[in-house]
Each structure stands twice: as structure tokens, then as C-alpha cells.
Amino acid sequence: MRAEFKDRLDEAMKIRKINASQLSEKTGISRSSISRYLSGNYSAGQTNTYKIASALNVDYGWLMGGDCDMVPKHSVDYVMHLTDDEILLIEQYRKADDEKKRFIKYAVELNK
């Protein structure tokens, strides 16, 4: 039997330890829409499903109920099993300008 979107969404949110309000902030999707998706009353469209899959770092096809791995094979998390805090640090590092990256590298050196 094919898994439903609402069940996969709920599972991914529990694994990632993220609630509907946090998912709303990460995706820009309203809290009420996410609640409707979780209840099964509405299904997310393609764009919102992609936003949710990206925010939860899960495979789009898996989220839609497909028979594939939950975490995309190209994901760093798939290989390293990163925590949410570690993923956040990587995301922030990627967004940092050169000066901030030098500071982060300096802090890493101090920690060795």
C-alpha cells in the first residue's frame, strides 16, 4: 500500500524534530496549510511539496509516497547522518561572507 503524503510529512517532521510552526518559517508556507496537510484534508501542490522536502532534507519522491529512500542519496546528511544543528551550521557557513568564514575557520583551529 502506498504511503500517504500526510503520513510521510508527519514522519519526516518527527525525525527532524521540527514542528509545524518551524516548518512554516523554513518554507514560507502558512502554518494553517501545514496543519491541513498533516490532517490529510488537503494535499500540497508541487511547489509546496518541493519546499517541504527541501526544508526537511527528504527526497521529493519519498515525500509523495514513492518507493525510494527517505533521504536523497546526494545529501550530505545521507552520508554523514548530521544532526539538525550540524546542518544549520553548514547552511550558515555557506551563506557567510569571506570574513565570517575566516572567523569560523579560526574558531575551528582554536578548538583543535
PDB file of N, CA and C in Angstrom:
ATOM      1  N   MET A   1       0.836  -1.185   0.000  1.00  0.00           N
ATOM      2  CA  MET A   1       0.000   0.000   0.000  1.00  0.00           C
ATOM      3  C   MET A   1       0.883   1.251   0.000  1.00  0.00           C
ATOM      4  N   ARG A   2       0.531   2.192  -0.813  1.00  0.00           N
ATOM      5  CA  ARG A   2       1.299   3.424  -0.947  1.00  0.00           C
ATOM      6  C   ARG A   2       1.079   4.335   0.260  1.00  0.00           C
ATOM      7  N   ALA A   3       2.188   4.847   0.804  1.00  0.00           N
ATOM      8  CA  ALA A   3       2.104   5.746   1.964  1.00  0.00           C
ATOM      9  C   ALA A   3       1.485   7.080   1.525  1.00  0.00           C
ATOM     10  N   GLU A   4       0.720   7.657   2.413  1.00  0.00           N
ATOM     11  CA  GLU A   4       0.100   8.949   2.117  1.00  0.00           C
ATOM     12  C   GLU A   4       1.046  10.096   2.470  1.00  0.00           C
ATOM     13  N   PHE A   5       0.863  11.204   1.764  1.00  0.00           N
ATOM     14  CA  PHE A   5       1.673  12.402   1.978  1.00  0.00           C
ATOM     15  C   PHE A   5       1.655  12.811   3.447  1.00  0.00           C
ATOM     16  N   LYS A   6       0.472  12.831   4.054  1.00  0.00           N
ATOM     17  CA  LYS A   6       0.360  13.288   5.446  1.00  0.00           C
ATOM     18  C   LYS A   6       1.190  12.421   6.396  1.00  0.00           C
ATOM     19  N   ASP A   7       1.227  11.122   6.130  1.00  0.00           N
ATOM     20  CA  ASP A   7       1.987  10.215   6.986  1.00  0.00           C
ATOM     21  C   ASP A   7       3.489  10.420   6.813  1.00  0.00           C
ATOM     22  N   ARG A   8       3.913  10.602   5.578  1.00  0.00           N
ATOM     23  CA  ARG A   8       5.329  10.837   5.323  1.00  0.00           C
ATOM     24  C   ARG A   8       5.760  12.195   5.898  1.00  0.00           C
ATOM     25  N   LEU A   9       4.907  13.196   5.751  1.00  0.00           N
ATOM     26  CA  LEU A   9       5.214  14.516   6.300  1.00  0.00           C
ATOM     27  C   LEU A   9       5.371  14.431   7.818  1.00  0.00           C
ATOM     28  N   ASP A  10       4.442  13.774   8.462  1.00  0.00           N
ATOM     29  CA  ASP A  10       4.491  13.614   9.918  1.00  0.00           C
ATOM     30  C   ASP A  10       5.759  12.871  10.335  1.00  0.00           C
ATOM     31  N   GLU A  11       6.091  11.792   9.629  1.00  0.00           N
ATOM     32  CA  GLU A  11       7.281  11.010   9.948  1.00  0.00           C
ATOM     33  C   GLU A  11       8.551  11.852   9.814  1.00  0.00           C
ATOM     34  N   ALA A  12       8.669  12.587   8.717  1.00  0.00           N
ATOM     35  CA  ALA A  12       9.860  13.406   8.485  1.00  0.00           C
ATOM     36  C   ALA A  12       9.990  14.502   9.533  1.00  0.00           C
ATOM     37  N   MET A  13       8.867  15.109   9.898  1.00  0.00           N
ATOM     38  CA  MET A  13       8.907  16.164  10.910  1.00  0.00           C
ATOM     39  C   MET A  13       9.343  15.606  12.262  1.00  0.00           C
ATOM     40  N   LYS A  14       8.888  14.422  12.607  1.00  0.00           N
ATOM     41  CA  LYS A  14       9.294  13.805  13.881  1.00  0.00           C
ATOM     42  C   LYS A  14      10.778  13.472  13.867  1.00  0.00           C
ATOM     43  N   ILE A  15      11.251  12.909  12.776  1.00  0.00           N
ATOM     44  CA  ILE A  15      12.669  12.556  12.673  1.00  0.00           C
ATOM     45  C   ILE A  15      13.548  13.792  12.743  1.00  0.00           C
ATOM     46  N   ARG A  16      13.128  14.853  12.077  1.00  0.00           N
ATOM     47  CA  ARG A  16      13.906  16.105  12.056  1.00  0.00           C
ATOM     48  C   ARG A  16      13.658  16.964  13.296  1.00  0.00           C
ATOM     49  N   LYS A  17      12.731  16.511  14.146  1.00  0.00           N
ATOM     50  CA  LYS A  17      12.395  17.237  15.377  1.00  0.00           C
ATOM     51  C   LYS A  17      12.013  18.682  15.068  1.00  0.00           C
ATOM     52  N   ILE A  18      11.070  18.825  14.165  1.00  0.00           N
ATOM     53  CA  ILE A  18      10.599  20.144  13.751  1.00  0.00           C
ATOM     54  C   ILE A  18       9.074  20.163  13.839  1.00  0.00           C
ATOM     55  N   ASN A  19       8.522  21.241  14.377  1.00  0.00           N
ATOM     56  CA  ASN A  19       7.067  21.339  14.469  1.00  0.00           C
ATOM     57  C   ASN A  19       6.519  22.152  13.292  1.00  0.00           C
ATOM     58  N   ALA A  20       5.207  22.240  13.225  1.00  0.00           N
ATOM     59  CA  ALA A  20       4.564  22.907  12.093  1.00  0.00           C
ATOM     60  C   ALA A  20       4.950  24.385  12.001  1.00  0.00           C
ATOM     61  N   SER A  21       5.083  25.050  13.139  1.00  0.00           N
ATOM     62  CA  SER A  21       5.469  26.466  13.126  1.00  0.00           C
ATOM     63  C   SER A  21       6.882  26.644  12.571  1.00  0.00           C
ATOM     64  N   GLN A  22       7.776  25.778  12.984  1.00  0.00           N
ATOM     65  CA  GLN A  22       9.156  25.853  12.485  1.00  0.00           C
ATOM     66  C   GLN A  22       9.215  25.535  10.993  1.00  0.00           C
ATOM     67  N   LEU A  23       8.443  24.542  10.557  1.00  0.00           N
ATOM     68  CA  LEU A  23       8.408  24.204   9.137  1.00  0.00           C
ATOM     69  C   LEU A  23       7.833  25.362   8.334  1.00  0.00           C
ATOM     70  N   SER A  24       6.846  26.020   8.882  1.00  0.00           N
ATOM     71  CA  SER A  24       6.262  27.193   8.237  1.00  0.00           C
ATOM     72  C   SER A  24       7.314  28.288   8.042  1.00  0.00           C
ATOM     73  N   GLU A  25       8.112  28.525   9.080  1.00  0.00           N
ATOM     74  CA  GLU A  25       9.171  29.532   8.989  1.00  0.00           C
ATOM     75  C   GLU A  25      10.216  29.166   7.942  1.00  0.00           C
ATOM     76  N   LYS A  26      10.590  27.884   7.886  1.00  0.00           N
ATOM     77  CA  LYS A  26      11.622  27.428   6.947  1.00  0.00           C
ATOM     78  C   LYS A  26      11.148  27.445   5.496  1.00  0.00           C
ATOM     79  N   THR A  27       9.851  27.246   5.289  1.00  0.00           N
ATOM     80  CA  THR A  27       9.338  27.103   3.931  1.00  0.00           C
ATOM     81  C   THR A  27       8.584  28.319   3.405  1.00  0.00           C
ATOM     82  N   GLY A  28       8.081  29.146   4.307  1.00  0.00           N
ATOM     83  CA  GLY A  28       7.229  30.264   3.880  1.00  0.00           C
ATOM     84  C   GLY A  28       5.791  29.825   3.629  1.00  0.00           C
ATOM     85  N   ILE A  29       5.484  28.581   3.939  1.00  0.00           N
ATOM     86  CA  ILE A  29       4.122  28.055   3.804  1.00  0.00           C
ATOM     87  C   ILE A  29       3.393  28.353   5.106  1.00  0.00           C
ATOM     88  N   SER A  30       2.150  28.787   5.014  1.00  0.00           N
ATOM     89  CA  SER A  30       1.420  29.160   6.227  1.00  0.00           C
ATOM     90  C   SER A  30       1.281  27.979   7.182  1.00  0.00           C
ATOM     91  N   ARG A  31       1.230  28.301   8.444  1.00  0.00           N
ATOM     92  CA  ARG A  31       1.060  27.281   9.500  1.00  0.00           C
ATOM     93  C   ARG A  31      -0.240  26.525   9.291  1.00  0.00           C
ATOM     94  N   SER A  32      -1.291  27.254   8.886  1.00  0.00           N
ATOM     95  CA  SER A  32      -2.590  26.601   8.686  1.00  0.00           C
ATOM     96  C   SER A  32      -2.543  25.615   7.517  1.00  0.00           C
ATOM     97  N   SER A  33      -1.799  25.935   6.458  1.00  0.00           N
ATOM     98  CA  SER A  33      -1.668  24.995   5.335  1.00  0.00           C
ATOM     99  C   SER A  33      -0.952  23.735   5.773  1.00  0.00           C
ATOM    100  N   ILE A  34       0.109  23.899   6.548  1.00  0.00           N
ATOM    101  CA  ILE A  34       0.850  22.729   7.028  1.00  0.00           C
ATOM    102  C   ILE A  34      -0.047  21.869   7.917  1.00  0.00           C
ATOM    103  N   SER A  35      -0.859  22.502   8.756  1.00  0.00           N
ATOM    104  CA  SER A  35      -1.800  21.755   9.599  1.00  0.00           C
ATOM    105  C   SER A  35      -2.797  20.979   8.744  1.00  0.00           C
ATOM    106  N   ARG A  36      -3.246  21.591   7.654  1.00  0.00           N
ATOM    107  CA  ARG A  36      -4.184  20.906   6.751  1.00  0.00           C
ATOM    108  C   ARG A  36      -3.510  19.725   6.062  1.00  0.00           C
ATOM    109  N   TYR A  37      -2.240  19.882   5.695  1.00  0.00           N
ATOM    110  CA  TYR A  37      -1.503  18.772   5.078  1.00  0.00           C
ATOM    111  C   TYR A  37      -1.366  17.618   6.073  1.00  0.00           C
ATOM    112  N   LEU A  38      -1.049  17.960   7.328  1.00  0.00           N
ATOM    113  CA  LEU A  38      -0.858  16.929   8.354  1.00  0.00           C
ATOM    114  C   LEU A  38      -2.160  16.198   8.684  1.00  0.00           C
ATOM    115  N   SER A  39      -3.269  16.901   8.593  1.00  0.00           N
ATOM    116  CA  SER A  39      -4.562  16.282   8.881  1.00  0.00           C
ATOM    117  C   SER A  39      -5.048  15.416   7.722  1.00  0.00           C
ATOM    118  N   GLY A  40      -4.468  15.639   6.550  1.00  0.00           N
ATOM    119  CA  GLY A  40      -4.890  14.886   5.373  1.00  0.00           C
ATOM    120  C   GLY A  40      -6.066  15.514   4.652  1.00  0.00           C
ATOM    121  N   ASN A  41      -6.498  16.692   5.128  1.00  0.00           N
ATOM    122  CA  ASN A  41      -7.632  17.372   4.483  1.00  0.00           C
ATOM    123  C   ASN A  41      -7.251  17.983   3.138  1.00  0.00           C
ATOM    124  N   TYR A  42      -5.992  18.334   2.989  1.00  0.00           N
ATOM    125  CA  TYR A  42      -5.502  18.928   1.747  1.00  0.00           C
ATOM    126  C   TYR A  42      -4.159  18.307   1.401  1.00  0.00           C
ATOM    127  N   SER A  43      -3.862  18.295   0.132  1.00  0.00           N
ATOM    128  CA  SER A  43      -2.550  17.847  -0.326  1.00  0.00           C
ATOM    129  C   SER A  43      -1.776  19.053  -0.819  1.00  0.00           C
ATOM    130  N   ALA A  44      -0.501  19.047  -0.571  1.00  0.00           N
ATOM    131  CA  ALA A  44       0.345  20.147  -1.027  1.00  0.00           C
ATOM    132  C   ALA A  44       0.525  20.056  -2.536  1.00  0.00           C
ATOM    133  N   GLY A  45       0.583  21.208  -3.172  1.00  0.00           N
ATOM    134  CA  GLY A  45       0.888  21.258  -4.596  1.00  0.00           C
ATOM    135  C   GLY A  45       2.366  20.967  -4.814  1.00  0.00           C
ATOM    136  N   GLN A  46       2.766  20.917  -6.056  1.00  0.00           N
ATOM    137  CA  GLN A  46       4.142  20.565  -6.406  1.00  0.00           C
ATOM    138  C   GLN A  46       5.154  21.526  -5.791  1.00  0.00           C
ATOM    139  N   THR A  47       4.897  22.821  -5.869  1.00  0.00           N
ATOM    140  CA  THR A  47       5.841  23.811  -5.351  1.00  0.00           C
ATOM    141  C   THR A  47       6.006  23.686  -3.846  1.00  0.00           C
ATOM    142  N   ASN A  48       4.891  23.581  -3.130  1.00  0.00           N
ATOM    143  CA  ASN A  48       4.983  23.474  -1.673  1.00  0.00           C
ATOM    144  C   ASN A  48       5.576  22.137  -1.245  1.00  0.00           C
ATOM    145  N   THR A  49       5.286  21.082  -1.983  1.00  0.00           N
ATOM    146  CA  THR A  49       5.885  19.783  -1.664  1.00  0.00           C
ATOM    147  C   THR A  49       7.396  19.866  -1.815  1.00  0.00           C
ATOM    148  N   TYR A  50       7.860  20.524  -2.852  1.00  0.00           N
ATOM    149  CA  TYR A  50       9.305  20.689  -3.054  1.00  0.00           C
ATOM    150  C   TYR A  50       9.918  21.510  -1.915  1.00  0.00           C
ATOM    151  N   LYS A  51       9.257  22.591  -1.504  1.00  0.00           N
ATOM    152  CA  LYS A  51       9.757  23.414  -0.391  1.00  0.00           C
ATOM    153  C   LYS A  51       9.858  22.589   0.891  1.00  0.00           C
ATOM    154  N   ILE A  52       8.831  21.792   1.145  1.00  0.00           N
ATOM    155  CA  ILE A  52       8.815  20.967   2.351  1.00  0.00           C
ATOM    156  C   ILE A  52       9.919  19.917   2.291  1.00  0.00           C
ATOM    157  N   ALA A  53      10.050  19.253   1.156  1.00  0.00           N
ATOM    158  CA  ALA A  53      11.093  18.233   1.001  1.00  0.00           C
ATOM    159  C   ALA A  53      12.473  18.840   1.212  1.00  0.00           C
ATOM    160  N   SER A  54      12.702  20.023   0.663  1.00  0.00           N
ATOM    161  CA  SER A  54      13.995  20.689   0.827  1.00  0.00           C
ATOM    162  C   SER A  54      14.241  21.076   2.280  1.00  0.00           C
ATOM    163  N   ALA A  55      13.220  21.639   2.930  1.00  0.00           N
ATOM    164  CA  ALA A  55      13.369  22.080   4.323  1.00  0.00           C
ATOM    165  C   ALA A  55      13.621  20.901   5.258  1.00  0.00           C
ATOM    166  N   LEU A  56      13.011  19.757   4.957  1.00  0.00           N
ATOM    167  CA  LEU A  56      13.174  18.578   5.813  1.00  0.00           C
ATOM    168  C   LEU A  56      14.304  17.670   5.345  1.00  0.00           C
ATOM    169  N   ASN A  57      14.943  18.050   4.252  1.00  0.00           N
ATOM    170  CA  ASN A  57      16.031  17.266   3.661  1.00  0.00           C
ATOM    171  C   ASN A  57      15.600  15.811   3.424  1.00  0.00           C
ATOM    172  N   VAL A  58      14.454  15.690   2.744  1.00  0.00           N
ATOM    173  CA  VAL A  58      13.968  14.375   2.346  1.00  0.00           C
ATOM    174  C   VAL A  58      13.768  14.360   0.836  1.00  0.00           C
ATOM    175  N   ASP A  59      13.742  13.183   0.278  1.00  0.00           N
ATOM    176  CA  ASP A  59      13.538  13.033  -1.152  1.00  0.00           C
ATOM    177  C   ASP A  59      12.101  13.409  -1.517  1.00  0.00           C
ATOM    178  N   TYR A  60      11.958  14.198  -2.573  1.00  0.00           N
ATOM    179  CA  TYR A  60      10.640  14.640  -3.037  1.00  0.00           C
ATOM    180  C   TYR A  60       9.748  13.434  -3.335  1.00  0.00           C
ATOM    181  N   GLY A  61      10.278  12.457  -4.039  1.00  0.00           N
ATOM    182  CA  GLY A  61       9.509  11.267  -4.390  1.00  0.00           C
ATOM    183  C   GLY A  61       9.060  10.485  -3.171  1.00  0.00           C
ATOM    184  N   TRP A  62       9.944  10.389  -2.180  1.00  0.00           N
ATOM    185  CA  TRP A  62       9.596   9.703  -0.938  1.00  0.00           C
ATOM    186  C   TRP A  62       8.444  10.410  -0.249  1.00  0.00           C
ATOM    187  N   LEU A  63       8.541  11.743  -0.173  1.00  0.00           N
ATOM    188  CA  LEU A  63       7.502  12.527   0.488  1.00  0.00           C
ATOM    189  C   LEU A  63       6.151  12.334  -0.198  1.00  0.00           C
ATOM    190  N   MET A  64       6.172  12.142  -1.502  1.00  0.00           N
ATOM    191  CA  MET A  64       4.941  11.935  -2.261  1.00  0.00           C
ATOM    192  C   MET A  64       4.428  10.498  -2.151  1.00  0.00           C
ATOM    193  N   GLY A  65       5.136   9.649  -1.410  1.00  0.00           N
ATOM    194  CA  GLY A  65       4.681   8.285  -1.200  1.00  0.00           C
ATOM    195  C   GLY A  65       5.380   7.261  -2.066  1.00  0.00           C
ATOM    196  N   GLY A  66       6.416   7.702  -2.762  1.00  0.00           N
ATOM    197  CA  GLY A  66       7.136   6.798  -3.649  1.00  0.00           C
ATOM    198  C   GLY A  66       7.962   5.763  -2.908  1.00  0.00           C
ATOM    199  N   ASP A  67       8.308   4.725  -3.613  1.00  0.00           N
ATOM    200  CA  ASP A  67       9.101   3.634  -3.054  1.00  0.00           C
ATOM    201  C   ASP A  67      10.585   3.943  -3.281  1.00  0.00           C
ATOM    202  N   CYS A  68      11.111   4.860  -2.494  1.00  0.00           N
ATOM    203  CA  CYS A  68      12.519   5.252  -2.595  1.00  0.00           C
ATOM    204  C   CYS A  68      13.021   5.613  -1.202  1.00  0.00           C
ATOM    205  N   ASP A  69      14.309   5.869  -1.090  1.00  0.00           N
ATOM    206  CA  ASP A  69      14.887   6.232   0.210  1.00  0.00           C
ATOM    207  C   ASP A  69      14.357   7.578   0.679  1.00  0.00           C
ATOM    208  N   MET A  70      14.230   7.715   1.982  1.00  0.00           N
ATOM    209  CA  MET A  70      13.742   8.967   2.557  1.00  0.00           C
ATOM    210  C   MET A  70      14.699  10.126   2.298  1.00  0.00           C
ATOM    211  N   VAL A  71      15.983   9.885   2.499  1.00  0.00           N
ATOM    212  CA  VAL A  71      16.977  10.950   2.350  1.00  0.00           C
ATOM    213  C   VAL A  71      17.611  10.825   0.976  1.00  0.00           C
ATOM    214  N   PRO A  72      17.679  11.931   0.234  1.00  0.00           N
ATOM    215  CA  PRO A  72      18.297  11.877  -1.091  1.00  0.00           C
ATOM    216  C   PRO A  72      19.738  11.387  -1.002  1.00  0.00           C
ATOM    217  N   LYS A  73      20.129  10.544  -1.934  1.00  0.00           N
ATOM    218  CA  LYS A  73      21.481   9.989  -1.917  1.00  0.00           C
ATOM    219  C   LYS A  73      22.552  11.052  -2.118  1.00  0.00           C
ATOM    220  N   HIS A  74      22.203  12.178  -2.737  1.00  0.00           N
ATOM    221  CA  HIS A  74      23.177  13.246  -2.940  1.00  0.00           C
ATOM    222  C   HIS A  74      23.331  14.126  -1.703  1.00  0.00           C
ATOM    223  N   SER A  75      22.504  13.892  -0.703  1.00  0.00           N
ATOM    224  CA  SER A  75      22.514  14.707   0.504  1.00  0.00           C
ATOM    225  C   SER A  75      23.706  14.367   1.399  1.00  0.00           C
ATOM    226  N   VAL A  76      24.328  15.396   1.951  1.00  0.00           N
ATOM    227  CA  VAL A  76      25.410  15.192   2.911  1.00  0.00           C
ATOM    228  C   VAL A  76      24.878  14.432   4.118  1.00  0.00           C
ATOM    229  N   ASP A  77      23.648  14.712   4.510  1.00  0.00           N
ATOM    230  CA  ASP A  77      23.043  14.044   5.657  1.00  0.00           C
ATOM    231  C   ASP A  77      22.920  12.542   5.422  1.00  0.00           C
ATOM    232  N   TYR A  78      22.690  12.142   4.191  1.00  0.00           N
ATOM    233  CA  TYR A  78      22.579  10.717   3.865  1.00  0.00           C
ATOM    234  C   TYR A  78      23.882   9.997   4.165  1.00  0.00           C
ATOM    235  N   VAL A  79      24.980  10.643   3.865  1.00  0.00           N
ATOM    236  CA  VAL A  79      26.294  10.039   4.040  1.00  0.00           C
ATOM    237  C   VAL A  79      26.771  10.153   5.481  1.00  0.00           C
ATOM    238  N   MET A  80      26.549  11.294   6.104  1.00  0.00           N
ATOM    239  CA  MET A  80      27.141  11.566   7.407  1.00  0.00           C
ATOM    240  C   MET A  80      26.166  11.496   8.578  1.00  0.00           C
ATOM    241  N   HIS A  81      24.882  11.414   8.329  1.00  0.00           N
ATOM    242  CA  HIS A  81      23.878  11.377   9.393  1.00  0.00           C
ATOM    243  C   HIS A  81      24.023  12.584  10.322  1.00  0.00           C
ATOM    244  N   LEU A  82      23.952  13.781   9.752  1.00  0.00           N
ATOM    245  CA  LEU A  82      24.131  15.007  10.510  1.00  0.00           C
ATOM    246  C   LEU A  82      22.910  15.318  11.365  1.00  0.00           C
ATOM    247  N   THR A  83      23.161  15.979  12.493  1.00  0.00           N
ATOM    248  CA  THR A  83      22.065  16.470  13.319  1.00  0.00           C
ATOM    249  C   THR A  83      21.529  17.753  12.696  1.00  0.00           C
ATOM    250  N   ASP A  84      20.366  18.189  13.162  1.00  0.00           N
ATOM    251  CA  ASP A  84      19.795  19.437  12.657  1.00  0.00           C
ATOM    252  C   ASP A  84      20.719  20.622  12.941  1.00  0.00           C
ATOM    253  N   ASP A  85      21.376  20.637  14.120  1.00  0.00           N
ATOM    254  CA  ASP A  85      22.300  21.723  14.449  1.00  0.00           C
ATOM    255  C   ASP A  85      23.491  21.743  13.495  1.00  0.00           C
ATOM    256  N   GLU A  86      23.988  20.553  13.156  1.00  0.00           N
ATOM    257  CA  GLU A  86      25.122  20.478  12.229  1.00  0.00           C
ATOM    258  C   GLU A  86      24.721  20.950  10.832  1.00  0.00           C
ATOM    259  N   ILE A  87      23.536  20.569  10.414  1.00  0.00           N
ATOM    260  CA  ILE A  87      23.035  21.027   9.114  1.00  0.00           C
ATOM    261  C   ILE A  87      22.893  22.537   9.116  1.00  0.00           C
ATOM    262  N   LEU A  88      22.362  23.093  10.208  1.00  0.00           N
ATOM    263  CA  LEU A  88      22.203  24.546  10.322  1.00  0.00           C
ATOM    264  C   LEU A  88      23.554  25.250  10.235  1.00  0.00           C
ATOM    265  N   LEU A  89      24.558  24.712  10.912  1.00  0.00           N
ATOM    266  CA  LEU A  89      25.887  25.317  10.857  1.00  0.00           C
ATOM    267  C   LEU A  89      26.449  25.313   9.436  1.00  0.00           C
ATOM    268  N   ILE A  90      26.261  24.230   8.729  1.00  0.00           N
ATOM    269  CA  ILE A  90      26.736  24.155   7.349  1.00  0.00           C
ATOM    270  C   ILE A  90      26.002  25.163   6.479  1.00  0.00           C
ATOM    271  N   GLU A  91      24.691  25.253   6.649  1.00  0.00           N
ATOM    272  CA  GLU A  91      23.906  26.213   5.871  1.00  0.00           C
ATOM    273  C   GLU A  91      24.361  27.644   6.146  1.00  0.00           C
ATOM    274  N   GLN A  92      24.612  27.968   7.419  1.00  0.00           N
ATOM    275  CA  GLN A  92      25.046  29.317   7.774  1.00  0.00           C
ATOM    276  C   GLN A  92      26.450  29.601   7.242  1.00  0.00           C
ATOM    277  N   TYR A  93      27.315  28.603   7.281  1.00  0.00           N
ATOM    278  CA  TYR A  93      28.666  28.778   6.749  1.00  0.00           C
ATOM    279  C   TYR A  93      28.597  29.095   5.258  1.00  0.00           C
ATOM    280  N   ARG A  94      27.754  28.379   4.544  1.00  0.00           N
ATOM    281  CA  ARG A  94      27.629  28.599   3.097  1.00  0.00           C
ATOM    282  C   ARG A  94      27.121  29.998   2.775  1.00  0.00           C
ATOM    283  N   LYS A  95      26.320  30.561   3.651  1.00  0.00           N
ATOM    284  CA  LYS A  95      25.768  31.899   3.437  1.00  0.00           C
ATOM    285  C   LYS A  95      26.727  33.004   3.878  1.00  0.00           C
ATOM    286  N   ALA A  96      27.734  32.658   4.672  1.00  0.00           N
ATOM    287  CA  ALA A  96      28.641  33.658   5.261  1.00  0.00           C
ATOM    288  C   ALA A  96      29.544  34.282   4.207  1.00  0.00           C
ATOM    289  N   ASP A  97      29.898  35.538   4.458  1.00  0.00           N
ATOM    290  CA  ASP A  97      30.866  36.178   3.572  1.00  0.00           C
ATOM    291  C   ASP A  97      32.275  35.708   3.948  1.00  0.00           C
ATOM    292  N   ASP A  98      33.274  36.119   3.190  1.00  0.00           N
ATOM    293  CA  ASP A  98      34.648  35.635   3.395  1.00  0.00           C
ATOM    294  C   ASP A  98      35.172  35.941   4.797  1.00  0.00           C
ATOM    295  N   GLU A  99      34.849  37.113   5.328  1.00  0.00           N
ATOM    296  CA  GLU A  99      35.341  37.481   6.665  1.00  0.00           C
ATOM    297  C   GLU A  99      34.767  36.552   7.735  1.00  0.00           C
ATOM    298  N   LYS A 100      33.496  36.273   7.628  1.00  0.00           N
ATOM    299  CA  LYS A 100      32.865  35.380   8.609  1.00  0.00           C
ATOM    300  C   LYS A 100      33.407  33.958   8.478  1.00  0.00           C
ATOM    301  N   LYS A 101      33.666  33.524   7.248  1.00  0.00           N
ATOM    302  CA  LYS A 101      34.232  32.192   7.054  1.00  0.00           C
ATOM    303  C   LYS A 101      35.625  32.100   7.667  1.00  0.00           C
ATOM    304  N   ARG A 102      36.426  33.161   7.558  1.00  0.00           N
ATOM    305  CA  ARG A 102      37.760  33.169   8.182  1.00  0.00           C
ATOM    306  C   ARG A 102      37.639  33.067   9.693  1.00  0.00           C
ATOM    307  N   PHE A 103      36.665  33.760  10.266  1.00  0.00           N
ATOM    308  CA  PHE A 103      36.443  33.706  11.703  1.00  0.00           C
ATOM    309  C   PHE A 103      36.063  32.294  12.135  1.00  0.00           C
ATOM    310  N   ILE A 104      35.180  31.666  11.384  1.00  0.00           N
ATOM    311  CA  ILE A 104      34.755  30.296  11.704  1.00  0.00           C
ATOM    312  C   ILE A 104      35.940  29.351  11.630  1.00  0.00           C
ATOM    313  N   LYS A 105      36.761  29.488  10.604  1.00  0.00           N
ATOM    314  CA  LYS A 105      37.936  28.631  10.455  1.00  0.00           C
ATOM    315  C   LYS A 105      38.906  28.851  11.615  1.00  0.00           C
ATOM    316  N   TYR A 106      39.042  30.106  12.061  1.00  0.00           N
ATOM    317  CA  TYR A 106      39.903  30.419  13.196  1.00  0.00           C
ATOM    318  C   TYR A 106      39.371  29.732  14.452  1.00  0.00           C
ATOM    319  N   ALA A 107      38.043  29.780  14.662  1.00  0.00           N
ATOM    320  CA  ALA A 107      37.443  29.128  15.835  1.00  0.00           C
ATOM    321  C   ALA A 107      37.666  27.618  15.793  1.00  0.00           C
ATOM    322  N   VAL A 108      37.615  27.040  14.612  1.00  0.00           N
ATOM    323  CA  VAL A 108      37.869  25.606  14.460  1.00  0.00           C
ATOM    324  C   VAL A 108      39.307  25.293  14.855  1.00  0.00           C
ATOM    325  N   GLU A 109      40.244  26.120  14.405  1.00  0.00           N
ATOM    326  CA  GLU A 109      41.656  25.918  14.747  1.00  0.00           C
ATOM    327  C   GLU A 109      41.884  26.011  16.253  1.00  0.00           C
ATOM    328  N   LEU A 110      41.207  26.933  16.919  1.00  0.00           N
ATOM    329  CA  LEU A 110      41.338  27.063  18.369  1.00  0.00           C
ATOM    330  C   LEU A 110      40.823  25.827  19.099  1.00  0.00           C
ATOM    331  N   ASN A 111      39.863  25.166  18.490  1.00  0.00           N
ATOM    332  CA  ASN A 111      39.238  24.011  19.123  1.00  0.00           C
ATOM    333  C   ASN A 111      40.042  22.724  18.935  1.00  0.00           C
ATOM    334  N   LYS A 112      41.062  22.735  18.120  1.00  0.00           N
ATOM    335  CA  LYS A 112      41.864  21.518  17.862  1.00  0.00           C
ATOM    336  C   LYS A 112      42.786  21.205  19.009  1.00  0.00           C
TER     337      LYS A 112
END
